[in-house]
């Protein structure tokens, strides 16, 4: 399904037309014409923004994840990746698995060809895990306990997460993950994490008159882009005290 049904479903205009925040009265036909013209132009811009997100981000990443999940090397990853479920940084030894090395090379090329990709990851039902750039944990890590794994492993289609802030780089990202099938059995999850900062920056540049701007909400009604209220990011309108959304 399209991006409208997956992420950032709601595209809102913040303070675009004073009519929506009160205190604006149409005094004559000229003002009414200008008002209707502004609404129509704004609607077209919002449709373009929505389509841009859908085409350049959602569909592209879904296609990439579907493609990678079909590779034989991915389907046969079990037993060929490092495992961190009993990780001890004082005794852990990284194993140079040939399969994992080949996957790293492919993941590197994939990341280099898509500048908004944050990293690519692969986890198995045995608890093995890898990502590119290489995963370097400080403590035990079991991918099967992560929400992206739990959601993706029970689905056949690509699972798109809610936006979240990474703990290490402090970047806003979303993940696209999909279960991996091998011989009629699900053996793990493959996925891509995408950085939303560049997308957010481009949307922040869109203005309507002197006071208009675009805000984005996730499907769970959390602000993703909010140019004049950065403190609202990842909060719901209810949490910010804003009514009408």
C-alpha atoms as a PDB file:
ATOM      1  CA  UNK A   1       0.000   0.000   0.000  1.00  0.00           C
ATOM      2  CA  UNK A   2       1.064   3.568  -0.450  1.00  0.00           C
ATOM      3  CA  UNK A   3       2.871   5.711   2.010  1.00  0.00           C
ATOM      4  CA  UNK A   4      -0.425   7.345   2.950  1.00  0.00           C
ATOM      5  CA  UNK A   5      -1.435   4.094   4.617  1.00  0.00           C
ATOM      6  CA  UNK A   6       1.891   3.373   6.208  1.00  0.00           C
ATOM      7  CA  UNK A   7       3.636   6.452   7.528  1.00  0.00           C
ATOM      8  CA  UNK A   8       3.232  10.157   7.830  1.00  0.00           C
ATOM      9  CA  UNK A   9      -0.368   9.830   6.844  1.00  0.00           C
ATOM     10  CA  UNK A  10      -1.334  13.290   7.997  1.00  0.00           C
ATOM     11  CA  UNK A  11       0.117  16.350   6.342  1.00  0.00           C
ATOM     12  CA  UNK A  12      -0.987  19.520   8.001  1.00  0.00           C
ATOM     13  CA  UNK A  13      -0.597  23.205   7.425  1.00  0.00           C
ATOM     14  CA  UNK A  14       0.486  25.109  10.488  1.00  0.00           C
ATOM     15  CA  UNK A  15      -0.741  28.689  10.625  1.00  0.00           C
ATOM     16  CA  UNK A  16      -1.017  28.684   6.847  1.00  0.00           C
ATOM     17  CA  UNK A  17      -4.145  30.738   6.575  1.00  0.00           C
ATOM     18  CA  UNK A  18      -5.209  32.864   9.523  1.00  0.00           C
ATOM     19  CA  UNK A  19      -8.789  31.736   8.918  1.00  0.00           C
ATOM     20  CA  UNK A  20      -7.969  28.444  10.595  1.00  0.00           C
ATOM     21  CA  UNK A  21      -6.668  30.046  13.753  1.00  0.00           C
ATOM     22  CA  UNK A  22      -9.364  32.690  14.048  1.00  0.00           C
ATOM     23  CA  UNK A  23      -9.640  36.391  13.513  1.00  0.00           C
ATOM     24  CA  UNK A  24      -9.884  36.343   9.718  1.00  0.00           C
ATOM     25  CA  UNK A  25     -12.948  37.668   7.881  1.00  0.00           C
ATOM     26  CA  UNK A  26     -13.546  37.872   4.170  1.00  0.00           C
ATOM     27  CA  UNK A  27     -14.652  41.401   3.506  1.00  0.00           C
ATOM     28  CA  UNK A  28     -15.157  41.297  -0.227  1.00  0.00           C
ATOM     29  CA  UNK A  29     -15.018  39.157  -3.336  1.00  0.00           C
ATOM     30  CA  UNK A  30     -11.353  39.903  -3.956  1.00  0.00           C
ATOM     31  CA  UNK A  31     -10.343  38.565  -0.552  1.00  0.00           C
ATOM     32  CA  UNK A  32     -12.519  35.514  -1.090  1.00  0.00           C
ATOM     33  CA  UNK A  33     -10.886  34.839  -4.434  1.00  0.00           C
ATOM     34  CA  UNK A  34      -7.410  35.193  -2.942  1.00  0.00           C
ATOM     35  CA  UNK A  35      -8.360  32.896  -0.102  1.00  0.00           C
ATOM     36  CA  UNK A  36      -9.703  30.160  -2.389  1.00  0.00           C
ATOM     37  CA  UNK A  37      -6.673  30.486  -4.647  1.00  0.00           C
ATOM     38  CA  UNK A  38      -4.343  30.124  -1.672  1.00  0.00           C
ATOM     39  CA  UNK A  39      -6.162  27.021  -0.457  1.00  0.00           C
ATOM     40  CA  UNK A  40      -5.994  25.396  -3.893  1.00  0.00           C
ATOM     41  CA  UNK A  41      -2.290  26.183  -4.320  1.00  0.00           C
ATOM     42  CA  UNK A  42      -1.555  24.861  -0.838  1.00  0.00           C
ATOM     43  CA  UNK A  43      -3.486  21.665  -1.566  1.00  0.00           C
ATOM     44  CA  UNK A  44      -1.421  21.069  -4.693  1.00  0.00           C
ATOM     45  CA  UNK A  45       1.821  21.622  -2.802  1.00  0.00           C
ATOM     46  CA  UNK A  46       0.762  19.179  -0.096  1.00  0.00           C
ATOM     47  CA  UNK A  47      -0.143  16.569  -2.705  1.00  0.00           C
ATOM     48  CA  UNK A  48       3.298  16.995  -4.248  1.00  0.00           C
ATOM     49  CA  UNK A  49       4.985  16.622  -0.868  1.00  0.00           C
ATOM     50  CA  UNK A  50       2.975  13.485  -0.143  1.00  0.00           C
ATOM     51  CA  UNK A  51       3.803  11.965  -3.515  1.00  0.00           C
ATOM     52  CA  UNK A  52       7.464  12.869  -3.100  1.00  0.00           C
ATOM     53  CA  UNK A  53       7.633  11.003   0.207  1.00  0.00           C
ATOM     54  CA  UNK A  54       5.723   8.069  -1.204  1.00  0.00           C
ATOM     55  CA  UNK A  55       7.822   7.687  -4.348  1.00  0.00           C
ATOM     56  CA  UNK A  56      11.307   8.663  -3.145  1.00  0.00           C
ATOM     57  CA  UNK A  57      11.237   7.006   0.255  1.00  0.00           C
ATOM     58  CA  UNK A  58       8.527   4.454   0.955  1.00  0.00           C
ATOM     59  CA  UNK A  59       8.246   2.596  -2.332  1.00  0.00           C
ATOM     60  CA  UNK A  60      11.995   2.629  -2.937  1.00  0.00           C
ATOM     61  CA  UNK A  61      12.833   1.148   0.466  1.00  0.00           C
ATOM     62  CA  UNK A  62      10.045  -1.437   0.267  1.00  0.00           C
ATOM     63  CA  UNK A  63      11.388  -2.624  -3.065  1.00  0.00           C
ATOM     64  CA  UNK A  64      14.943  -2.844  -1.730  1.00  0.00           C
ATOM     65  CA  UNK A  65      13.922  -4.837   1.344  1.00  0.00           C
ATOM     66  CA  UNK A  66      11.787  -7.210  -0.741  1.00  0.00           C
ATOM     67  CA  UNK A  67      14.689  -7.712  -3.138  1.00  0.00           C
ATOM     68  CA  UNK A  68      17.309  -8.380  -0.462  1.00  0.00           C
ATOM     69  CA  UNK A  69      15.027 -10.795   1.404  1.00  0.00           C
ATOM     70  CA  UNK A  70      14.877 -12.984  -1.722  1.00  0.00           C
ATOM     71  CA  UNK A  71      18.642 -13.511  -2.038  1.00  0.00           C
ATOM     72  CA  UNK A  72      19.897 -17.053  -1.399  1.00  0.00           C
ATOM     73  CA  UNK A  73      22.771 -15.784   0.739  1.00  0.00           C
ATOM     74  CA  UNK A  74      20.247 -14.070   3.010  1.00  0.00           C
ATOM     75  CA  UNK A  75      17.982 -17.124   3.153  1.00  0.00           C
ATOM     76  CA  UNK A  76      20.953 -19.242   4.211  1.00  0.00           C
ATOM     77  CA  UNK A  77      22.370 -16.820   6.766  1.00  0.00           C
ATOM     78  CA  UNK A  78      21.524 -19.007   9.779  1.00  0.00           C
ATOM     79  CA  UNK A  79      24.719 -20.394  11.311  1.00  0.00           C
ATOM     80  CA  UNK A  80      26.857 -17.929   9.364  1.00  0.00           C
ATOM     81  CA  UNK A  81      26.560 -14.762  11.467  1.00  0.00           C
ATOM     82  CA  UNK A  82      27.945 -13.598  14.784  1.00  0.00           C
ATOM     83  CA  UNK A  83      25.753 -13.819  17.857  1.00  0.00           C
ATOM     84  CA  UNK A  84      25.600 -11.382  20.782  1.00  0.00           C
ATOM     85  CA  UNK A  85      22.918 -12.912  23.009  1.00  0.00           C
ATOM     86  CA  UNK A  86      25.589 -13.904  25.573  1.00  0.00           C
ATOM     87  CA  UNK A  87      27.957 -11.063  24.775  1.00  0.00           C
ATOM     88  CA  UNK A  88      30.875 -10.327  27.113  1.00  0.00           C
ATOM     89  CA  UNK A  89      33.163  -7.584  25.842  1.00  0.00           C
ATOM     90  CA  UNK A  90      36.110  -9.043  27.777  1.00  0.00           C
ATOM     91  CA  UNK A  91      35.902 -12.472  26.191  1.00  0.00           C
ATOM     92  CA  UNK A  92      33.978 -12.007  22.922  1.00  0.00           C
ATOM     93  CA  UNK A  93      35.785 -12.955  19.723  1.00  0.00           C
ATOM     94  CA  UNK A  94      34.415 -11.808  16.377  1.00  0.00           C
ATOM     95  CA  UNK A  95      34.205 -14.671  13.871  1.00  0.00           C
ATOM     96  CA  UNK A  96      35.045 -13.879  10.264  1.00  0.00           C
ATOM     97  CA  UNK A  97      32.233 -15.798   8.593  1.00  0.00           C
ATOM     98  CA  UNK A  98      32.510 -15.826   4.810  1.00  0.00           C
ATOM     99  CA  UNK A  99      28.755 -15.327   4.369  1.00  0.00           C
ATOM    100  CA  UNK A 100      28.713 -12.363   6.738  1.00  0.00           C
ATOM    101  CA  UNK A 101      31.673 -10.809   4.901  1.00  0.00           C
ATOM    102  CA  UNK A 102      29.869 -11.163   1.556  1.00  0.00           C
ATOM    103  CA  UNK A 103      26.715  -9.634   3.022  1.00  0.00           C
ATOM    104  CA  UNK A 104      28.715  -6.700   4.381  1.00  0.00           C
ATOM    105  CA  UNK A 105      30.047  -5.947   0.903  1.00  0.00           C
ATOM    106  CA  UNK A 106      26.555  -5.967  -0.589  1.00  0.00           C
ATOM    107  CA  UNK A 107      25.108  -3.912   2.237  1.00  0.00           C
ATOM    108  CA  UNK A 108      27.924  -1.411   1.778  1.00  0.00           C
ATOM    109  CA  UNK A 109      27.042  -0.958  -1.905  1.00  0.00           C
ATOM    110  CA  UNK A 110      23.362  -0.624  -1.046  1.00  0.00           C
ATOM    111  CA  UNK A 111      24.037   2.054   1.558  1.00  0.00           C
ATOM    112  CA  UNK A 112      26.345   3.967  -0.781  1.00  0.00           C
ATOM    113  CA  UNK A 113      23.663   4.011  -3.481  1.00  0.00           C
ATOM    114  CA  UNK A 114      21.008   5.450  -1.141  1.00  0.00           C
ATOM    115  CA  UNK A 115      22.268   8.437   0.811  1.00  0.00           C
ATOM    116  CA  UNK A 116      19.340   8.398   3.244  1.00  0.00           C
ATOM    117  CA  UNK A 117      19.976   4.812   4.412  1.00  0.00           C
ATOM    118  CA  UNK A 118      21.236   4.787   7.988  1.00  0.00           C
ATOM    119  CA  UNK A 119      22.128   1.100   8.168  1.00  0.00           C
ATOM    120  CA  UNK A 120      21.085  -2.365   6.930  1.00  0.00           C
ATOM    121  CA  UNK A 121      20.489  -5.209   9.374  1.00  0.00           C
ATOM    122  CA  UNK A 122      19.869  -8.966   9.384  1.00  0.00           C
ATOM    123  CA  UNK A 123      18.773 -11.169  12.283  1.00  0.00           C
ATOM    124  CA  UNK A 124      18.007 -14.883  12.496  1.00  0.00           C
ATOM    125  CA  UNK A 125      15.627 -16.975  14.579  1.00  0.00           C
ATOM    126  CA  UNK A 126      18.723 -18.340  16.342  1.00  0.00           C
ATOM    127  CA  UNK A 127      19.542 -14.879  17.696  1.00  0.00           C
ATOM    128  CA  UNK A 128      22.381 -14.140  15.278  1.00  0.00           C
ATOM    129  CA  UNK A 129      22.721 -10.558  14.116  1.00  0.00           C
ATOM    130  CA  UNK A 130      24.678  -8.319  11.763  1.00  0.00           C
ATOM    131  CA  UNK A 131      24.369  -4.844  10.373  1.00  0.00           C
ATOM    132  CA  UNK A 132      26.265  -2.490   8.124  1.00  0.00           C
ATOM    133  CA  UNK A 133      28.120  -0.448   9.235  1.00  0.00           C
ATOM    134  CA  UNK A 134      29.371  -3.222  11.498  1.00  0.00           C
ATOM    135  CA  UNK A 135      27.582  -3.746  14.787  1.00  0.00           C
ATOM    136  CA  UNK A 136      29.775  -3.100  17.851  1.00  0.00           C
ATOM    137  CA  UNK A 137      27.768  -3.773  21.029  1.00  0.00           C
ATOM    138  CA  UNK A 138      28.745  -2.923  24.593  1.00  0.00           C
ATOM    139  CA  UNK A 139      26.369  -5.434  26.125  1.00  0.00           C
ATOM    140  CA  UNK A 140      24.279  -8.474  25.271  1.00  0.00           C
ATOM    141  CA  UNK A 141      21.947  -8.009  22.321  1.00  0.00           C
ATOM    142  CA  UNK A 142      19.128 -10.291  21.241  1.00  0.00           C
ATOM    143  CA  UNK A 143      17.422  -8.999  18.069  1.00  0.00           C
ATOM    144  CA  UNK A 144      14.447 -11.282  18.651  1.00  0.00           C
ATOM    145  CA  UNK A 145      13.438  -9.118  21.597  1.00  0.00           C
ATOM    146  CA  UNK A 146      13.269  -5.944  19.507  1.00  0.00           C
ATOM    147  CA  UNK A 147       9.922  -4.570  18.369  1.00  0.00           C
ATOM    148  CA  UNK A 148      10.969  -4.420  14.708  1.00  0.00           C
ATOM    149  CA  UNK A 149      11.782  -8.139  14.796  1.00  0.00           C
ATOM    150  CA  UNK A 150       8.617  -9.154  16.641  1.00  0.00           C
ATOM    151  CA  UNK A 151       6.438  -7.179  14.232  1.00  0.00           C
ATOM    152  CA  UNK A 152       8.172  -8.235  11.025  1.00  0.00           C
ATOM    153  CA  UNK A 153       8.502 -11.950  11.781  1.00  0.00           C
ATOM    154  CA  UNK A 154       4.730 -12.371  12.031  1.00  0.00           C
ATOM    155  CA  UNK A 155       4.030 -10.587   8.745  1.00  0.00           C
ATOM    156  CA  UNK A 156       4.634 -11.387   5.100  1.00  0.00           C
ATOM    157  CA  UNK A 157       4.755  -7.797   3.876  1.00  0.00           C
ATOM    158  CA  UNK A 158       7.304  -5.124   4.744  1.00  0.00           C
ATOM    159  CA  UNK A 159       6.797  -3.722   8.233  1.00  0.00           C
ATOM    160  CA  UNK A 160       7.364   0.034   8.607  1.00  0.00           C
ATOM    161  CA  UNK A 161       8.101   1.226  12.108  1.00  0.00           C
ATOM    162  CA  UNK A 162       7.102   4.434  13.816  1.00  0.00           C
ATOM    163  CA  UNK A 163       9.815   7.118  13.654  1.00  0.00           C
ATOM    164  CA  UNK A 164      12.259   7.063  16.553  1.00  0.00           C
ATOM    165  CA  UNK A 165      15.469   8.765  17.675  1.00  0.00           C
ATOM    166  CA  UNK A 166      18.583   6.572  17.635  1.00  0.00           C
ATOM    167  CA  UNK A 167      20.365   6.274  20.965  1.00  0.00           C
ATOM    168  CA  UNK A 168      23.862   6.535  19.482  1.00  0.00           C
ATOM    169  CA  UNK A 169      23.657   9.137  16.684  1.00  0.00           C
ATOM    170  CA  UNK A 170      20.551  10.997  17.900  1.00  0.00           C
ATOM    171  CA  UNK A 171      19.054  10.882  14.401  1.00  0.00           C
ATOM    172  CA  UNK A 172      15.383  10.469  13.549  1.00  0.00           C
ATOM    173  CA  UNK A 173      14.889   7.230  11.633  1.00  0.00           C
ATOM    174  CA  UNK A 174      12.317   4.688  10.558  1.00  0.00           C
ATOM    175  CA  UNK A 175      12.953   1.047   9.767  1.00  0.00           C
ATOM    176  CA  UNK A 176      11.649  -1.128   6.933  1.00  0.00           C
ATOM    177  CA  UNK A 177      11.868  -4.797   7.897  1.00  0.00           C
ATOM    178  CA  UNK A 178      10.638  -8.055   6.410  1.00  0.00           C
ATOM    179  CA  UNK A 179      10.619 -11.694   7.434  1.00  0.00           C
ATOM    180  CA  UNK A 180      12.894 -14.065   5.510  1.00  0.00           C
ATOM    181  CA  UNK A 181      11.528 -17.316   4.153  1.00  0.00           C
ATOM    182  CA  UNK A 182      13.597 -20.401   3.379  1.00  0.00           C
ATOM    183  CA  UNK A 183      11.958 -23.712   2.415  1.00  0.00           C
ATOM    184  CA  UNK A 184       8.545 -22.629   3.682  1.00  0.00           C
ATOM    185  CA  UNK A 185       9.987 -21.575   7.039  1.00  0.00           C
ATOM    186  CA  UNK A 186      10.662 -18.126   8.452  1.00  0.00           C
ATOM    187  CA  UNK A 187      14.323 -17.995   9.441  1.00  0.00           C
ATOM    188  CA  UNK A 188      14.762 -14.338  10.373  1.00  0.00           C
ATOM    189  CA  UNK A 189      14.283 -10.684   9.491  1.00  0.00           C
ATOM    190  CA  UNK A 190      16.076  -8.349   7.071  1.00  0.00           C
ATOM    191  CA  UNK A 191      15.720  -4.599   7.217  1.00  0.00           C
ATOM    192  CA  UNK A 192      16.839  -1.081   6.368  1.00  0.00           C
ATOM    193  CA  UNK A 193      16.841   1.951   8.631  1.00  0.00           C
ATOM    194  CA  UNK A 194      16.337   5.311   6.925  1.00  0.00           C
ATOM    195  CA  UNK A 195      17.427   8.701   8.201  1.00  0.00           C
ATOM    196  CA  UNK A 196      14.540  11.198   8.105  1.00  0.00           C
ATOM    197  CA  UNK A 197      16.632  14.304   8.795  1.00  0.00           C
ATOM    198  CA  UNK A 198      17.217  15.147   5.131  1.00  0.00           C
ATOM    199  CA  UNK A 199      13.545  14.663   4.313  1.00  0.00           C
ATOM    200  CA  UNK A 200      12.565  16.805   7.289  1.00  0.00           C
ATOM    201  CA  UNK A 201      14.989  19.543   6.229  1.00  0.00           C
ATOM    202  CA  UNK A 202      13.502  19.693   2.732  1.00  0.00           C
ATOM    203  CA  UNK A 203       9.950  19.926   4.076  1.00  0.00           C
ATOM    204  CA  UNK A 204      10.942  22.676   6.511  1.00  0.00           C
ATOM    205  CA  UNK A 205      11.900  24.808   3.520  1.00  0.00           C
ATOM    206  CA  UNK A 206       8.300  24.869   2.253  1.00  0.00           C
ATOM    207  CA  UNK A 207       6.498  28.047   3.277  1.00  0.00           C
ATOM    208  CA  UNK A 208       3.092  29.553   2.564  1.00  0.00           C
ATOM    209  CA  UNK A 209       3.145  33.326   2.653  1.00  0.00           C
ATOM    210  CA  UNK A 210       4.721  34.835   5.745  1.00  0.00           C
ATOM    211  CA  UNK A 211       3.450  32.444   8.385  1.00  0.00           C
ATOM    212  CA  UNK A 212       2.594  29.162   6.642  1.00  0.00           C
ATOM    213  CA  UNK A 213       4.539  25.940   7.019  1.00  0.00           C
ATOM    214  CA  UNK A 214       4.076  22.175   6.717  1.00  0.00           C
ATOM    215  CA  UNK A 215       3.903  19.749   9.630  1.00  0.00           C
ATOM    216  CA  UNK A 216       3.972  15.952   9.396  1.00  0.00           C
ATOM    217  CA  UNK A 217       2.326  13.465  11.711  1.00  0.00           C
ATOM    218  CA  UNK A 218       3.096   9.748  11.869  1.00  0.00           C
ATOM    219  CA  UNK A 219       0.271   7.169  11.750  1.00  0.00           C
ATOM    220  CA  UNK A 220       0.323   7.175  15.555  1.00  0.00           C
ATOM    221  CA  UNK A 221      -0.260  10.942  15.477  1.00  0.00           C
ATOM    222  CA  UNK A 222       3.221  12.007  16.503  1.00  0.00           C
ATOM    223  CA  UNK A 223       4.884  15.085  15.065  1.00  0.00           C
ATOM    224  CA  UNK A 224       7.742  14.290  12.691  1.00  0.00           C
ATOM    225  CA  UNK A 225       8.240  17.712  11.164  1.00  0.00           C
ATOM    226  CA  UNK A 226       7.261  20.829  13.082  1.00  0.00           C
ATOM    227  CA  UNK A 227       9.418  23.803  12.014  1.00  0.00           C
ATOM    228  CA  UNK A 228       8.416  26.311  14.691  1.00  0.00           C
ATOM    229  CA  UNK A 229       8.107  23.880  17.595  1.00  0.00           C
ATOM    230  CA  UNK A 230      11.036  21.477  17.626  1.00  0.00           C
ATOM    231  CA  UNK A 231      10.112  20.436  21.164  1.00  0.00           C
ATOM    232  CA  UNK A 232       6.964  18.821  19.740  1.00  0.00           C
ATOM    233  CA  UNK A 233       8.923  16.198  17.761  1.00  0.00           C
ATOM    234  CA  UNK A 234       7.633  12.655  18.420  1.00  0.00           C
ATOM    235  CA  UNK A 235       4.893  13.991  20.682  1.00  0.00           C
ATOM    236  CA  UNK A 236       1.178  13.785  20.001  1.00  0.00           C
ATOM    237  CA  UNK A 237      -1.010  16.891  19.668  1.00  0.00           C
ATOM    238  CA  UNK A 238      -2.600  15.930  22.983  1.00  0.00           C
ATOM    239  CA  UNK A 239       0.799  15.875  24.659  1.00  0.00           C
ATOM    240  CA  UNK A 240       1.611  19.331  23.308  1.00  0.00           C
ATOM    241  CA  UNK A 241      -1.775  20.780  24.218  1.00  0.00           C
ATOM    242  CA  UNK A 242      -2.657  21.474  20.583  1.00  0.00           C
ATOM    243  CA  UNK A 243      -6.304  20.895  19.681  1.00  0.00           C
ATOM    244  CA  UNK A 244      -7.903  20.197  16.331  1.00  0.00           C
ATOM    245  CA  UNK A 245      -5.614  17.467  14.953  1.00  0.00           C
END
